[in-house]
Each structure stands twice: as C-alpha cells, then as structure tokens.
Amino acid sequence: MFDKCILHIGTEKTGTTSIQAFLSENRDALLEQGYYVPLTMGPREHVGLVHLFARSDQKFSTRTTLGLHTVAKVEAHQKALGPKIRAEM
C-alpha cells in the first residue's frame, strides 16, 4: 500500500483534463520517480471515481456512454469497480 495519496479534483474549465493528460502521457516516468498513476479508474481521465461517488440516480454523459442507463446498472458498475481499484492499489 502507499504512504501518501495525491488526489486531484476540479470542476470544468479548471485544467483537470490537461493535468490528467500529462499524468497519463508520463505514467512510466512518474512511476520511476515513485508516483503511481492508476489505470482502473480510466486510462486518461479518471471518470471511474465519479461513478463511484456520484449518486446512483444522477445522469451524466460518461454514464450514458458506458450504457449505465438505470440505477441498477450504475450500482452494479460501482460494486464491480471498487474491488478492481483496491486490487490495483
């Protein structure tokens, strides 16, 4: 397990996509420096975190893209994603 977690959170138009792109493109170099950038939550943008913590009945574009059209599908996705993230860490 890790000693420290750096969690970057931001709303639209605050540079989050640029930061996530940099982290993704430099994943190997960062790992050599002791920084691990996870893949399970999304290879580039970590939308998996959004799916874990947003309300199950909340609708937004990435859920639509993933076919998560019902509360039951969202909750099943959340239940499956949690263990995958823990296993990767």
PDB file of N, CA and C in Angstrom:
ATOM      1  N   MET A   1       0.849  -1.181   0.000  1.00  0.00           N
ATOM      2  CA  MET A   1       0.000   0.000   0.000  1.00  0.00           C
ATOM      3  C   MET A   1       0.888   1.234   0.000  1.00  0.00           C
ATOM      4  N   PHE A   2       0.300   2.361  -0.199  1.00  0.00           N
ATOM      5  CA  PHE A   2       1.046   3.599  -0.327  1.00  0.00           C
ATOM      6  C   PHE A   2       1.037   4.392   0.968  1.00  0.00           C
ATOM      7  N   ASP A   3       2.067   5.199   1.151  1.00  0.00           N
ATOM      8  CA  ASP A   3       2.146   6.078   2.315  1.00  0.00           C
ATOM      9  C   ASP A   3       1.319   7.340   2.117  1.00  0.00           C
ATOM     10  N   LYS A   4       1.161   7.749   0.856  1.00  0.00           N
ATOM     11  CA  LYS A   4       0.504   9.019   0.569  1.00  0.00           C
ATOM     12  C   LYS A   4      -0.294   8.905  -0.723  1.00  0.00           C
ATOM     13  N   CYS A   5      -1.420   9.587  -0.758  1.00  0.00           N
ATOM     14  CA  CYS A   5      -2.235   9.654  -1.960  1.00  0.00           C
ATOM     15  C   CYS A   5      -2.438  11.125  -2.310  1.00  0.00           C
ATOM     16  N   ILE A   6      -2.161  11.469  -3.550  1.00  0.00           N
ATOM     17  CA  ILE A   6      -2.428  12.822  -4.030  1.00  0.00           C
ATOM     18  C   ILE A   6      -3.653  12.726  -4.930  1.00  0.00           C
ATOM     19  N   LEU A   7      -4.715  13.362  -4.518  1.00  0.00           N
ATOM     20  CA  LEU A   7      -5.978  13.310  -5.250  1.00  0.00           C
ATOM     21  C   LEU A   7      -6.251  14.681  -5.849  1.00  0.00           C
ATOM     22  N   HIS A   8      -6.329  14.711  -7.161  1.00  0.00           N
ATOM     23  CA  HIS A   8      -6.589  15.974  -7.860  1.00  0.00           C
ATOM     24  C   HIS A   8      -8.067  16.017  -8.244  1.00  0.00           C
ATOM     25  N   ILE A   9      -8.761  17.035  -7.788  1.00  0.00           N
ATOM     26  CA  ILE A   9     -10.185  17.195  -8.077  1.00  0.00           C
ATOM     27  C   ILE A   9     -10.412  18.598  -8.629  1.00  0.00           C
ATOM     28  N   GLY A  10     -11.218  18.695  -9.670  1.00  0.00           N
ATOM     29  CA  GLY A  10     -11.528  20.013 -10.215  1.00  0.00           C
ATOM     30  C   GLY A  10     -12.795  19.978 -11.042  1.00  0.00           C
ATOM     31  N   THR A  11     -13.451  21.100 -11.120  1.00  0.00           N
ATOM     32  CA  THR A  11     -14.646  21.215 -11.946  1.00  0.00           C
ATOM     33  C   THR A  11     -14.241  21.585 -13.366  1.00  0.00           C
ATOM     34  N   GLU A  12     -15.229  21.703 -14.228  1.00  0.00           N
ATOM     35  CA  GLU A  12     -14.969  22.053 -15.619  1.00  0.00           C
ATOM     36  C   GLU A  12     -14.186  23.361 -15.713  1.00  0.00           C
ATOM     37  N   LYS A  13     -13.328  23.395 -16.735  1.00  0.00           N
ATOM     38  CA  LYS A  13     -12.554  24.597 -17.075  1.00  0.00           C
ATOM     39  C   LYS A  13     -11.548  25.011 -16.002  1.00  0.00           C
ATOM     40  N   THR A  14     -11.041  24.042 -15.240  1.00  0.00           N
ATOM     41  CA  THR A  14     -10.022  24.352 -14.227  1.00  0.00           C
ATOM     42  C   THR A  14      -8.689  23.668 -14.531  1.00  0.00           C
ATOM     43  N   GLY A  15      -8.572  23.083 -15.716  1.00  0.00           N
ATOM     44  CA  GLY A  15      -7.318  22.446 -16.113  1.00  0.00           C
ATOM     45  C   GLY A  15      -7.230  20.967 -15.791  1.00  0.00           C
ATOM     46  N   THR A  16      -8.304  20.366 -15.314  1.00  0.00           N
ATOM     47  CA  THR A  16      -8.238  18.957 -14.914  1.00  0.00           C
ATOM     48  C   THR A  16      -7.882  18.042 -16.087  1.00  0.00           C
ATOM     49  N   THR A  17      -8.455  18.273 -17.244  1.00  0.00           N
ATOM     50  CA  THR A  17      -8.161  17.417 -18.398  1.00  0.00           C
ATOM     51  C   THR A  17      -6.702  17.531 -18.805  1.00  0.00           C
ATOM     52  N   SER A  18      -6.161  18.723 -18.786  1.00  0.00           N
ATOM     53  CA  SER A  18      -4.742  18.911 -19.129  1.00  0.00           C
ATOM     54  C   SER A  18      -3.842  18.201 -18.129  1.00  0.00           C
ATOM     55  N   ILE A  19      -4.158  18.309 -16.858  1.00  0.00           N
ATOM     56  CA  ILE A  19      -3.358  17.644 -15.822  1.00  0.00           C
ATOM     57  C   ILE A  19      -3.443  16.135 -15.981  1.00  0.00           C
ATOM     58  N   GLN A  20      -4.650  15.613 -16.205  1.00  0.00           N
ATOM     59  CA  GLN A  20      -4.805  14.167 -16.370  1.00  0.00           C
ATOM     60  C   GLN A  20      -4.100  13.675 -17.634  1.00  0.00           C
ATOM     61  N   ALA A  21      -4.115  14.465 -18.695  1.00  0.00           N
ATOM     62  CA  ALA A  21      -3.402  14.088 -19.921  1.00  0.00           C
ATOM     63  C   ALA A  21      -1.901  14.006 -19.653  1.00  0.00           C
ATOM     64  N   PHE A  22      -1.374  14.985 -18.938  1.00  0.00           N
ATOM     65  CA  PHE A  22       0.054  14.981 -18.592  1.00  0.00           C
ATOM     66  C   PHE A  22       0.394  13.737 -17.764  1.00  0.00           C
ATOM     67  N   LEU A  23      -0.414  13.446 -16.757  1.00  0.00           N
ATOM     68  CA  LEU A  23      -0.156  12.284 -15.908  1.00  0.00           C
ATOM     69  C   LEU A  23      -0.201  10.989 -16.716  1.00  0.00           C
ATOM     70  N   SER A  24      -1.179  10.876 -17.594  1.00  0.00           N
ATOM     71  CA  SER A  24      -1.321   9.682 -18.420  1.00  0.00           C
ATOM     72  C   SER A  24      -0.132   9.508 -19.367  1.00  0.00           C
ATOM     73  N   GLU A  25       0.242  10.582 -20.034  1.00  0.00           N
ATOM     74  CA  GLU A  25       1.334  10.519 -21.009  1.00  0.00           C
ATOM     75  C   GLU A  25       2.692  10.283 -20.356  1.00  0.00           C
ATOM     76  N   ASN A  26       2.801  10.598 -19.084  1.00  0.00           N
ATOM     77  CA  ASN A  26       4.073  10.461 -18.375  1.00  0.00           C
ATOM     78  C   ASN A  26       4.026   9.407 -17.272  1.00  0.00           C
ATOM     79  N   ARG A  27       3.093   8.481 -17.392  1.00  0.00           N
ATOM     80  CA  ARG A  27       2.870   7.451 -16.372  1.00  0.00           C
ATOM     81  C   ARG A  27       4.165   6.698 -16.026  1.00  0.00           C
ATOM     82  N   ASP A  28       4.912   6.256 -17.034  1.00  0.00           N
ATOM     83  CA  ASP A  28       6.135   5.480 -16.784  1.00  0.00           C
ATOM     84  C   ASP A  28       7.209   6.320 -16.097  1.00  0.00           C
ATOM     85  N   ALA A  29       7.415   7.538 -16.581  1.00  0.00           N
ATOM     86  CA  ALA A  29       8.427   8.418 -15.976  1.00  0.00           C
ATOM     87  C   ALA A  29       8.048   8.760 -14.544  1.00  0.00           C
ATOM     88  N   LEU A  30       6.776   8.957 -14.298  1.00  0.00           N
ATOM     89  CA  LEU A  30       6.321   9.251 -12.936  1.00  0.00           C
ATOM     90  C   LEU A  30       6.537   8.047 -12.020  1.00  0.00           C
ATOM     91  N   LEU A  31       6.276   6.853 -12.540  1.00  0.00           N
ATOM     92  CA  LEU A  31       6.488   5.645 -11.743  1.00  0.00           C
ATOM     93  C   LEU A  31       7.958   5.509 -11.344  1.00  0.00           C
ATOM     94  N   GLU A  32       8.856   5.845 -12.250  1.00  0.00           N
ATOM     95  CA  GLU A  32      10.284   5.808 -11.931  1.00  0.00           C
ATOM     96  C   GLU A  32      10.636   6.767 -10.804  1.00  0.00           C
ATOM     97  N   GLN A  33       9.844   7.809 -10.645  1.00  0.00           N
ATOM     98  CA  GLN A  33      10.062   8.793  -9.572  1.00  0.00           C
ATOM     99  C   GLN A  33       9.267   8.457  -8.313  1.00  0.00           C
ATOM    100  N   GLY A  34       8.542   7.325  -8.337  1.00  0.00           N
ATOM    101  CA  GLY A  34       7.788   6.896  -7.165  1.00  0.00           C
ATOM    102  C   GLY A  34       6.339   7.334  -7.133  1.00  0.00           C
ATOM    103  N   TYR A  35       5.810   7.797  -8.269  1.00  0.00           N
ATOM    104  CA  TYR A  35       4.408   8.226  -8.345  1.00  0.00           C
ATOM    105  C   TYR A  35       3.641   7.256  -9.226  1.00  0.00           C
ATOM    106  N   TYR A  36       2.628   6.660  -8.662  1.00  0.00           N
ATOM    107  CA  TYR A  36       1.817   5.693  -9.405  1.00  0.00           C
ATOM    108  C   TYR A  36       0.528   6.360  -9.868  1.00  0.00           C
ATOM    109  N   VAL A  37       0.263   6.280 -11.165  1.00  0.00           N
ATOM    110  CA  VAL A  37      -0.969   6.823 -11.743  1.00  0.00           C
ATOM    111  C   VAL A  37      -1.837   5.626 -12.136  1.00  0.00           C
ATOM    112  N   PRO A  38      -2.938   5.398 -11.434  1.00  0.00           N
ATOM    113  CA  PRO A  38      -3.746   4.196 -11.668  1.00  0.00           C
ATOM    114  C   PRO A  38      -4.423   4.172 -13.040  1.00  0.00           C
ATOM    115  N   LEU A  39      -4.748   2.963 -13.493  1.00  0.00           N
ATOM    116  CA  LEU A  39      -5.415   2.750 -14.777  1.00  0.00           C
ATOM    117  C   LEU A  39      -6.885   2.352 -14.626  1.00  0.00           C
ATOM    118  N   THR A  40      -7.220   1.692 -13.544  1.00  0.00           N
ATOM    119  CA  THR A  40      -8.550   1.126 -13.366  1.00  0.00           C
ATOM    120  C   THR A  40      -9.664   2.157 -13.463  1.00  0.00           C
ATOM    121  N   MET A  41      -9.424   3.357 -13.001  1.00  0.00           N
ATOM    122  CA  MET A  41     -10.471   4.381 -12.982  1.00  0.00           C
ATOM    123  C   MET A  41     -10.616   5.075 -14.322  1.00  0.00           C
ATOM    124  N   GLY A  42      -9.799   4.696 -15.279  1.00  0.00           N
ATOM    125  CA  GLY A  42      -9.815   5.277 -16.617  1.00  0.00           C
ATOM    126  C   GLY A  42      -8.386   5.487 -17.073  1.00  0.00           C
ATOM    127  N   PRO A  43      -8.068   5.143 -18.308  1.00  0.00           N
ATOM    128  CA  PRO A  43      -6.687   5.247 -18.770  1.00  0.00           C
ATOM    129  C   PRO A  43      -6.174   6.676 -18.867  1.00  0.00           C
ATOM    130  N   ARG A  44      -7.068   7.619 -19.087  1.00  0.00           N
ATOM    131  CA  ARG A  44      -6.646   9.015 -19.221  1.00  0.00           C
ATOM    132  C   ARG A  44      -7.361   9.893 -18.197  1.00  0.00           C
ATOM    133  N   GLU A  45      -8.657   9.940 -18.270  1.00  0.00           N
ATOM    134  CA  GLU A  45      -9.439  10.702 -17.300  1.00  0.00           C
ATOM    135  C   GLU A  45     -10.055   9.714 -16.319  1.00  0.00           C
ATOM    136  N   HIS A  46      -9.934   9.960 -15.068  1.00  0.00           N
ATOM    137  CA  HIS A  46     -10.379   9.016 -14.048  1.00  0.00           C
ATOM    138  C   HIS A  46     -11.860   9.173 -13.725  1.00  0.00           C
ATOM    139  N   VAL A  47     -12.670   8.917 -14.750  1.00  0.00           N
ATOM    140  CA  VAL A  47     -14.118   9.046 -14.577  1.00  0.00           C
ATOM    141  C   VAL A  47     -14.672   7.967 -13.663  1.00  0.00           C
ATOM    142  N   GLY A  48     -13.907   6.901 -13.451  1.00  0.00           N
ATOM    143  CA  GLY A  48     -14.350   5.851 -12.538  1.00  0.00           C
ATOM    144  C   GLY A  48     -14.605   6.369 -11.142  1.00  0.00           C
ATOM    145  N   LEU A  49     -13.822   7.338 -10.703  1.00  0.00           N
ATOM    146  CA  LEU A  49     -14.060   7.939  -9.386  1.00  0.00           C
ATOM    147  C   LEU A  49     -15.399   8.638  -9.335  1.00  0.00           C
ATOM    148  N   VAL A  50     -15.752   9.295 -10.419  1.00  0.00           N
ATOM    149  CA  VAL A  50     -17.045   9.972 -10.482  1.00  0.00           C
ATOM    150  C   VAL A  50     -18.160   8.944 -10.329  1.00  0.00           C
ATOM    151  N   HIS A  51     -18.030   7.822 -11.028  1.00  0.00           N
ATOM    152  CA  HIS A  51     -19.062   6.790 -10.957  1.00  0.00           C
ATOM    153  C   HIS A  51     -19.162   6.171  -9.565  1.00  0.00           C
ATOM    154  N   LEU A  52     -18.060   6.115  -8.857  1.00  0.00           N
ATOM    155  CA  LEU A  52     -18.095   5.558  -7.509  1.00  0.00           C
ATOM    156  C   LEU A  52     -18.800   6.469  -6.518  1.00  0.00           C
ATOM    157  N   PHE A  53     -18.619   7.763  -6.654  1.00  0.00           N
ATOM    158  CA  PHE A  53     -19.080   8.674  -5.614  1.00  0.00           C
ATOM    159  C   PHE A  53     -20.309   9.497  -5.963  1.00  0.00           C
ATOM    160  N   ALA A  54     -20.671   9.584  -7.233  1.00  0.00           N
ATOM    161  CA  ALA A  54     -21.882  10.322  -7.598  1.00  0.00           C
ATOM    162  C   ALA A  54     -23.108   9.481  -7.246  1.00  0.00           C
ATOM    163  N   ARG A  55     -24.199  10.148  -6.995  1.00  0.00           N
ATOM    164  CA  ARG A  55     -25.447   9.443  -6.683  1.00  0.00           C
ATOM    165  C   ARG A  55     -25.802   8.469  -7.809  1.00  0.00           C
ATOM    166  N   SER A  56     -26.366   7.336  -7.450  1.00  0.00           N
ATOM    167  CA  SER A  56     -26.711   6.310  -8.430  1.00  0.00           C
ATOM    168  C   SER A  56     -27.762   6.783  -9.423  1.00  0.00           C
ATOM    169  N   ASP A  57     -28.622   7.706  -9.008  1.00  0.00           N
ATOM    170  CA  ASP A  57     -29.694   8.163  -9.898  1.00  0.00           C
ATOM    171  C   ASP A  57     -29.296   9.389 -10.720  1.00  0.00           C
ATOM    172  N   GLN A  58     -28.080   9.871 -10.539  1.00  0.00           N
ATOM    173  CA  GLN A  58     -27.618  11.048 -11.279  1.00  0.00           C
ATOM    174  C   GLN A  58     -27.208  10.636 -12.690  1.00  0.00           C
ATOM    175  N   LYS A  59     -27.660  11.412 -13.685  1.00  0.00           N
ATOM    176  CA  LYS A  59     -27.353  11.094 -15.079  1.00  0.00           C
ATOM    177  C   LYS A  59     -26.348  12.110 -15.618  1.00  0.00           C
ATOM    178  N   PHE A  60     -25.334  11.598 -16.322  1.00  0.00           N
ATOM    179  CA  PHE A  60     -24.375  12.458 -16.989  1.00  0.00           C
ATOM    180  C   PHE A  60     -23.740  11.684 -18.132  1.00  0.00           C
ATOM    181  N   SER A  61     -23.025  12.393 -18.992  1.00  0.00           N
ATOM    182  CA  SER A  61     -22.605  11.837 -20.281  1.00  0.00           C
ATOM    183  C   SER A  61     -21.761  10.570 -20.194  1.00  0.00           C
ATOM    184  N   THR A  62     -20.836  10.472 -19.258  1.00  0.00           N
ATOM    185  CA  THR A  62     -19.992   9.271 -19.230  1.00  0.00           C
ATOM    186  C   THR A  62     -20.787   8.034 -18.818  1.00  0.00           C
ATOM    187  N   ARG A  63     -21.797   8.209 -18.017  1.00  0.00           N
ATOM    188  CA  ARG A  63     -22.654   7.066 -17.698  1.00  0.00           C
ATOM    189  C   ARG A  63     -23.431   6.637 -18.929  1.00  0.00           C
ATOM    190  N   THR A  64     -23.899   7.584 -19.690  1.00  0.00           N
ATOM    191  CA  THR A  64     -24.624   7.267 -20.923  1.00  0.00           C
ATOM    192  C   THR A  64     -23.708   6.520 -21.879  1.00  0.00           C
ATOM    193  N   THR A  65     -22.477   6.988 -22.032  1.00  0.00           N
ATOM    194  CA  THR A  65     -21.503   6.356 -22.921  1.00  0.00           C
ATOM    195  C   THR A  65     -21.244   4.907 -22.513  1.00  0.00           C
ATOM    196  N   LEU A  66     -21.206   4.646 -21.209  1.00  0.00           N
ATOM    197  CA  LEU A  66     -20.945   3.298 -20.705  1.00  0.00           C
ATOM    198  C   LEU A  66     -22.201   2.422 -20.660  1.00  0.00           C
ATOM    199  N   GLY A  67     -23.349   2.982 -21.063  1.00  0.00           N
ATOM    200  CA  GLY A  67     -24.594   2.216 -21.061  1.00  0.00           C
ATOM    201  C   GLY A  67     -25.199   2.058 -19.679  1.00  0.00           C
ATOM    202  N   LEU A  68     -24.856   2.954 -18.769  1.00  0.00           N
ATOM    203  CA  LEU A  68     -25.374   2.891 -17.403  1.00  0.00           C
ATOM    204  C   LEU A  68     -26.651   3.736 -17.323  1.00  0.00           C
ATOM    205  N   HIS A  69     -27.732   3.181 -17.878  1.00  0.00           N
ATOM    206  CA  HIS A  69     -28.974   3.939 -18.027  1.00  0.00           C
ATOM    207  C   HIS A  69     -29.936   3.780 -16.859  1.00  0.00           C
ATOM    208  N   THR A  70     -29.673   2.837 -15.970  1.00  0.00           N
ATOM    209  CA  THR A  70     -30.574   2.629 -14.835  1.00  0.00           C
ATOM    210  C   THR A  70     -29.778   2.653 -13.529  1.00  0.00           C
ATOM    211  N   VAL A  71     -30.494   2.884 -12.448  1.00  0.00           N
ATOM    212  CA  VAL A  71     -29.854   2.880 -11.126  1.00  0.00           C
ATOM    213  C   VAL A  71     -29.224   1.509 -10.862  1.00  0.00           C
ATOM    214  N   ALA A  72     -29.906   0.453 -11.245  1.00  0.00           N
ATOM    215  CA  ALA A  72     -29.376  -0.903 -11.020  1.00  0.00           C
ATOM    216  C   ALA A  72     -28.053  -1.112 -11.765  1.00  0.00           C
ATOM    217  N   LYS A  73     -27.972  -0.625 -13.003  1.00  0.00           N
ATOM    218  CA  LYS A  73     -26.729  -0.768 -13.771  1.00  0.00           C
ATOM    219  C   LYS A  73     -25.608   0.063 -13.156  1.00  0.00           C
ATOM    220  N   VAL A  74     -25.933   1.268 -12.685  1.00  0.00           N
ATOM    221  CA  VAL A  74     -24.925   2.112 -12.036  1.00  0.00           C
ATOM    222  C   VAL A  74     -24.415   1.430 -10.774  1.00  0.00           C
ATOM    223  N   GLU A  75     -25.326   0.912  -9.967  1.00  0.00           N
ATOM    224  CA  GLU A  75     -24.916   0.267  -8.713  1.00  0.00           C
ATOM    225  C   GLU A  75     -24.097  -0.991  -8.969  1.00  0.00           C
ATOM    226  N   ALA A  76     -24.426  -1.755 -10.003  1.00  0.00           N
ATOM    227  CA  ALA A  76     -23.626  -2.939 -10.355  1.00  0.00           C
ATOM    228  C   ALA A  76     -22.228  -2.517 -10.807  1.00  0.00           C
ATOM    229  N   HIS A  77     -22.162  -1.443 -11.575  1.00  0.00           N
ATOM    230  CA  HIS A  77     -20.869  -0.912 -12.031  1.00  0.00           C
ATOM    231  C   HIS A  77     -20.036  -0.451 -10.834  1.00  0.00           C
ATOM    232  N   GLN A  78     -20.664   0.254  -9.906  1.00  0.00           N
ATOM    233  CA  GLN A  78     -19.965   0.719  -8.705  1.00  0.00           C
ATOM    234  C   GLN A  78     -19.441  -0.470  -7.896  1.00  0.00           C
ATOM    235  N   LYS A  79     -20.275  -1.477  -7.744  1.00  0.00           N
ATOM    236  CA  LYS A  79     -19.888  -2.654  -6.960  1.00  0.00           C
ATOM    237  C   LYS A  79     -18.700  -3.378  -7.590  1.00  0.00           C
ATOM    238  N   ALA A  80     -18.643  -3.440  -8.907  1.00  0.00           N
ATOM    239  CA  ALA A  80     -17.541  -4.112  -9.603  1.00  0.00           C
ATOM    240  C   ALA A  80     -16.272  -3.263  -9.619  1.00  0.00           C
ATOM    241  N   LEU A  81     -16.426  -1.939  -9.709  1.00  0.00           N
ATOM    242  CA  LEU A  81     -15.265  -1.057  -9.833  1.00  0.00           C
ATOM    243  C   LEU A  81     -14.457  -0.956  -8.549  1.00  0.00           C
ATOM    244  N   GLY A  82     -15.134  -0.903  -7.427  1.00  0.00           N
ATOM    245  CA  GLY A  82     -14.445  -0.778  -6.138  1.00  0.00           C
ATOM    246  C   GLY A  82     -13.362  -1.833  -5.923  1.00  0.00           C
ATOM    247  N   PRO A  83     -13.695  -3.127  -6.042  1.00  0.00           N
ATOM    248  CA  PRO A  83     -12.669  -4.165  -5.863  1.00  0.00           C
ATOM    249  C   PRO A  83     -11.537  -4.095  -6.891  1.00  0.00           C
ATOM    250  N   LYS A  84     -11.844  -3.678  -8.119  1.00  0.00           N
ATOM    251  CA  LYS A  84     -10.805  -3.548  -9.148  1.00  0.00           C
ATOM    252  C   LYS A  84      -9.796  -2.457  -8.756  1.00  0.00           C
ATOM    253  N   ILE A  85     -10.319  -1.359  -8.257  1.00  0.00           N
ATOM    254  CA  ILE A  85      -9.442  -0.270  -7.835  1.00  0.00           C
ATOM    255  C   ILE A  85      -8.571  -0.714  -6.652  1.00  0.00           C
ATOM    256  N   ARG A  86      -9.191  -1.359  -5.668  1.00  0.00           N
ATOM    257  CA  ARG A  86      -8.433  -1.839  -4.494  1.00  0.00           C
ATOM    258  C   ARG A  86      -7.358  -2.847  -4.919  1.00  0.00           C
ATOM    259  N   ALA A  87      -7.666  -3.731  -5.836  1.00  0.00           N
ATOM    260  CA  ALA A  87      -6.688  -4.721  -6.301  1.00  0.00           C
ATOM    261  C   ALA A  87      -5.519  -4.052  -7.014  1.00  0.00           C
ATOM    262  N   GLU A  88      -5.812  -3.010  -7.781  1.00  0.00           N
ATOM    263  CA  GLU A  88      -4.735  -2.315  -8.483  1.00  0.00           C
ATOM    264  C   GLU A  88      -3.812  -1.575  -7.510  1.00  0.00           C
ATOM    265  N   MET A  89      -4.382  -1.029  -6.467  1.00  0.00           N
ATOM    266  CA  MET A  89      -3.569  -0.289  -5.495  1.00  0.00           C
ATOM    267  C   MET A  89      -2.726  -1.261  -4.686  1.00  0.00           C
TER     268      MET A  89
END
